[in-house]
Amino acid sequence: MERPRLGFWFEFASTYSYLTAMRIETVAADRGVDLDWRPFLLGPIFARQGWSTSPFNLYPAKGRYMWRDMERLCETLGLPLVMPDPFPQNGLMAARIAHAGRKDPWIGAFVRAVYMAEFGEGRDISDPALLAGLLTDLGVDAPVLLAAAEKPEVKIGLRAAVSEAETLGIFGAPSFVTADGELFWGNDRLEDALDWALRLTD
C-alpha cells in the first residue's frame, strides 16, 4: 500500500512556519507520512488582497499578539526567538533554492537552517553569503545551488507554485494539503492534517 503523503506549504518570512518546520519532519516520520516540501511566496497572494506587507504589520494589535504568542510557543518548544529586522524578511532566494532542492535529501535540514538563522538568530536570509554558508554546512555544493536558483525554470517553477497555492485555496502559511485536496492552515493544525492523510490509506 502506498504511504500517505502531506504537502507542507511554507513561506520563509512566516513566523508560524518556523515552528512547524522545526518539528514536521520528525512528527511526520513518526506517523509514517511522507512529506512534499512546497516553498512558496505569500507576497503575491497578499498583494492581490491589497496588502503591501504582512497583516501582522498592517494590524498592530494582531502583530503584538503574534510576537507574544511566538514567545510562549518557542519557550514551550525549546526554540530561540529573535525578531528579524526588517520583518518580514525577503525570502525569495531561499525559496528558489528550496524549490530547486525540494526533492533532495537535504531539503528538511536546509529549511530548518534558514528558519533558525532568521528567527533563532535574527540574521538576514536575503544574504547569498549566509545561504551559501548554510548549504556548505550541510555538505551541499553551494555555488551549484545558488546558480540553480537563478535559472529561468526555477524562477518559473516558484511562480507556478504560488499560482498552485492560490488554486488550492491557500491564503497563509504554514498550510498543509492532503492527497484529496483537504486544506489545513496553521502550525496548530499539523496533527489534524497528518490524521487526515492517514485516514486516506486506512
Protein backbone atom coordinates (compact mmCIF):
# COMPACT_ATOMS: atom_id res chain seq x y z
CA MET A 1 0.00 0.00 0.00
CA GLU A 2 1.27 3.46 -0.89
CA ARG A 3 2.37 5.55 2.07
CA PRO A 4 0.29 8.63 2.87
CA ARG A 5 1.68 11.99 1.78
CA LEU A 6 1.24 15.53 3.00
CA GLY A 7 2.10 18.74 1.19
CA PHE A 8 3.84 21.21 3.51
CA TRP A 9 3.43 24.73 2.09
CA PHE A 10 5.75 27.18 3.82
CA GLU A 11 6.93 30.76 3.38
CA PHE A 12 10.33 31.67 4.80
CA ALA A 13 9.04 35.01 6.11
CA SER A 14 6.32 33.26 8.13
CA THR A 15 6.80 33.10 11.89
CA TYR A 16 4.48 30.16 12.46
CA SER A 17 6.11 28.26 9.60
CA TYR A 18 9.29 28.40 11.70
CA LEU A 19 7.57 26.46 14.46
CA THR A 20 6.26 23.85 12.04
CA ALA A 21 9.49 23.48 10.06
CA MET A 22 11.46 22.67 13.18
CA ARG A 23 9.26 19.67 14.02
CA ILE A 24 7.35 18.48 10.96
CA GLU A 25 9.93 16.05 9.57
CA THR A 26 10.20 14.16 12.86
CA VAL A 27 6.46 14.20 13.56
CA ALA A 28 5.56 13.04 10.05
CA ALA A 29 8.17 10.26 10.11
CA ASP A 30 6.85 9.04 13.47
CA ARG A 31 3.36 8.86 11.94
CA GLY A 32 4.50 7.16 8.73
CA VAL A 33 3.60 10.10 6.47
CA ASP A 34 5.86 11.27 3.63
CA LEU A 35 6.30 15.00 3.06
CA ASP A 36 6.19 17.09 -0.06
CA TRP A 37 8.19 20.26 0.68
CA ARG A 38 6.40 23.16 -1.03
CA PRO A 39 8.10 26.53 -0.65
CA PHE A 40 6.07 29.43 -1.97
CA LEU A 41 5.67 33.19 -1.60
CA LEU A 42 2.86 34.92 0.23
CA GLY A 43 3.72 38.39 -1.09
CA PRO A 44 1.89 37.98 -4.42
CA ILE A 45 -1.11 36.45 -2.64
CA PHE A 46 -1.21 39.29 -0.12
CA ALA A 47 -0.84 41.85 -2.92
CA ARG A 48 -4.00 40.56 -4.55
CA GLN A 49 -5.75 41.25 -1.24
CA GLY A 50 -4.50 44.84 -1.41
CA TRP A 51 -1.86 44.28 1.29
CA SER A 52 1.63 45.74 0.83
CA THR A 53 3.15 43.87 3.77
CA SER A 54 2.38 41.23 6.39
CA PRO A 55 -1.01 41.58 8.10
CA PHE A 56 0.97 41.47 11.36
CA ASN A 57 2.42 44.84 10.32
CA LEU A 58 -0.81 46.22 8.93
CA TYR A 59 -2.72 45.48 12.13
CA PRO A 60 -0.51 46.40 15.10
CA ALA A 61 -2.66 44.67 17.73
CA LYS A 62 -2.50 41.46 15.73
CA GLY A 63 1.25 41.85 15.37
CA ARG A 64 1.78 42.39 19.10
CA TYR A 65 -0.28 39.31 19.86
CA MET A 66 1.61 37.21 17.31
CA TRP A 67 5.03 38.05 18.74
CA ARG A 68 3.87 37.34 22.30
CA ASP A 69 2.30 34.09 21.11
CA MET A 70 5.57 33.17 19.40
CA GLU A 71 7.46 33.84 22.62
CA ARG A 72 5.19 31.46 24.51
CA LEU A 73 5.29 28.74 21.86
CA CYS A 74 9.04 28.95 21.35
CA GLU A 75 9.56 28.65 25.09
CA THR A 76 7.36 25.54 25.14
CA LEU A 77 9.21 24.01 22.18
CA GLY A 78 12.65 25.00 23.42
CA LEU A 79 13.34 27.18 20.39
CA PRO A 80 15.16 30.53 20.38
CA LEU A 81 13.30 33.57 19.07
CA VAL A 82 14.80 36.79 17.75
CA MET A 83 12.65 39.25 15.83
CA PRO A 84 14.41 39.78 12.48
CA ASP A 85 14.88 43.32 11.22
CA PRO A 86 13.27 44.00 8.85
CA PHE A 87 10.18 41.90 9.24
CA PRO A 88 9.04 40.28 7.06
CA GLN A 89 12.34 39.11 5.62
CA ASN A 90 12.96 38.77 1.89
CA GLY A 91 13.00 35.00 1.45
CA LEU A 92 12.97 34.93 -2.36
CA MET A 93 16.45 33.46 -2.86
CA ALA A 94 15.96 30.94 -0.06
CA ALA A 95 12.62 29.92 -1.58
CA ARG A 96 14.20 29.45 -5.00
CA ILE A 97 16.93 27.25 -3.50
CA ALA A 98 14.32 25.25 -1.61
CA HIS A 99 12.23 24.88 -4.75
CA ALA A 100 15.25 23.65 -6.70
CA GLY A 101 16.09 21.13 -3.98
CA ARG A 102 12.60 20.28 -2.78
CA LYS A 103 13.02 16.57 -3.58
CA ASP A 104 16.62 16.24 -2.40
CA PRO A 105 17.52 14.52 0.90
CA TRP A 106 18.95 17.72 2.40
CA ILE A 107 15.79 19.81 1.94
CA GLY A 108 14.50 19.42 5.50
CA ALA A 109 17.84 20.32 7.06
CA PHE A 110 18.18 23.35 4.76
CA VAL A 111 14.70 24.65 5.57
CA ARG A 112 15.37 24.30 9.30
CA ALA A 113 18.74 26.03 8.96
CA VAL A 114 17.19 29.01 7.17
CA TYR A 115 14.45 29.38 9.76
CA MET A 116 16.93 29.06 12.62
CA ALA A 117 19.16 31.74 11.10
CA GLU A 118 16.16 34.02 10.61
CA PHE A 119 14.04 33.60 13.71
CA GLY A 120 16.52 31.91 16.03
CA GLU A 121 19.42 34.29 15.37
CA GLY A 122 17.83 37.32 13.68
CA ARG A 123 20.04 37.07 10.59
CA ASP A 124 19.27 38.39 7.09
CA ILE A 125 18.18 35.42 4.96
CA SER A 126 18.31 37.51 1.77
CA ASP A 127 22.12 37.46 2.03
CA PRO A 128 23.51 34.99 -0.55
CA ALA A 129 26.64 34.53 1.57
CA LEU A 130 24.52 33.38 4.51
CA LEU A 131 22.61 30.93 2.33
CA ALA A 132 25.84 29.65 0.80
CA GLY A 133 27.22 29.06 4.26
CA LEU A 134 24.14 27.12 5.32
CA LEU A 135 24.36 24.92 2.24
CA THR A 136 28.07 24.33 2.74
CA ASP A 137 27.47 23.34 6.36
CA LEU A 138 25.06 20.69 5.03
CA GLY A 139 27.65 19.34 2.63
CA VAL A 140 25.80 20.69 -0.39
CA ASP A 141 27.57 22.37 -3.32
CA ALA A 142 26.58 25.97 -2.59
CA PRO A 143 27.75 27.55 -5.89
CA VAL A 144 25.75 24.98 -7.86
CA LEU A 145 22.58 25.63 -5.84
CA LEU A 146 22.96 29.41 -5.94
CA ALA A 147 23.35 29.19 -9.70
CA ALA A 148 20.35 26.87 -9.96
CA ALA A 149 18.26 29.41 -8.05
CA GLU A 150 18.85 31.90 -10.87
CA LYS A 151 17.80 29.55 -13.67
CA PRO A 152 14.62 30.53 -15.53
CA GLU A 153 13.00 27.15 -14.91
CA VAL A 154 13.39 27.55 -11.15
CA LYS A 155 12.03 31.09 -11.17
CA ILE A 156 9.10 29.99 -13.33
CA GLY A 157 8.57 26.94 -11.12
CA LEU A 158 8.35 29.03 -7.97
CA ARG A 159 5.88 31.41 -9.61
CA ALA A 160 3.84 28.38 -10.68
CA ALA A 161 3.88 27.19 -7.07
CA VAL A 162 2.30 30.48 -6.00
CA SER A 163 -0.43 30.03 -8.59
CA GLU A 164 -0.96 26.43 -7.47
CA ALA A 165 -1.22 27.57 -3.84
CA GLU A 166 -3.95 30.03 -4.80
CA THR A 167 -5.79 27.31 -6.75
CA LEU A 168 -5.68 25.11 -3.65
CA GLY A 169 -7.18 27.92 -1.59
CA ILE A 170 -4.02 28.66 0.40
CA PHE A 171 -4.00 32.12 1.93
CA GLY A 172 -1.39 31.82 4.67
CA ALA A 173 1.49 29.73 5.96
CA PRO A 174 2.10 27.16 7.13
CA SER A 175 -0.53 25.24 5.20
CA PHE A 176 -0.92 21.52 4.67
CA VAL A 177 -2.69 19.81 1.79
CA THR A 178 -3.58 16.12 1.74
CA ALA A 179 -3.78 13.87 -1.31
CA ASP A 180 -7.52 14.51 -1.65
CA GLY A 181 -7.05 18.29 -1.58
CA GLU A 182 -8.09 18.90 2.02
CA LEU A 183 -6.53 22.12 3.31
CA PHE A 184 -5.31 22.77 6.86
CA TRP A 185 -3.82 26.10 7.94
CA GLY A 186 -1.56 26.87 10.85
CA ASN A 187 1.08 25.23 12.99
CA ASP A 188 -1.60 24.05 15.39
CA ARG A 189 -3.31 22.09 12.59
CA LEU A 190 -0.31 19.91 11.71
CA GLU A 191 -1.50 16.92 13.71
CA ASP A 192 -5.01 17.22 12.24
CA ALA A 193 -3.53 17.26 8.74
CA LEU A 194 -1.46 14.15 9.48
CA ASP A 195 -4.53 12.39 10.85
CA TRP A 196 -6.44 13.19 7.65
CA ALA A 197 -3.59 11.99 5.45
CA LEU A 198 -3.51 8.70 7.35
CA ARG A 199 -7.29 8.29 7.02
CA LEU A 200 -6.95 8.19 3.25
CA THR A 201 -4.90 5.00 3.36
CA ASP A 202 -6.94 3.14 6.01
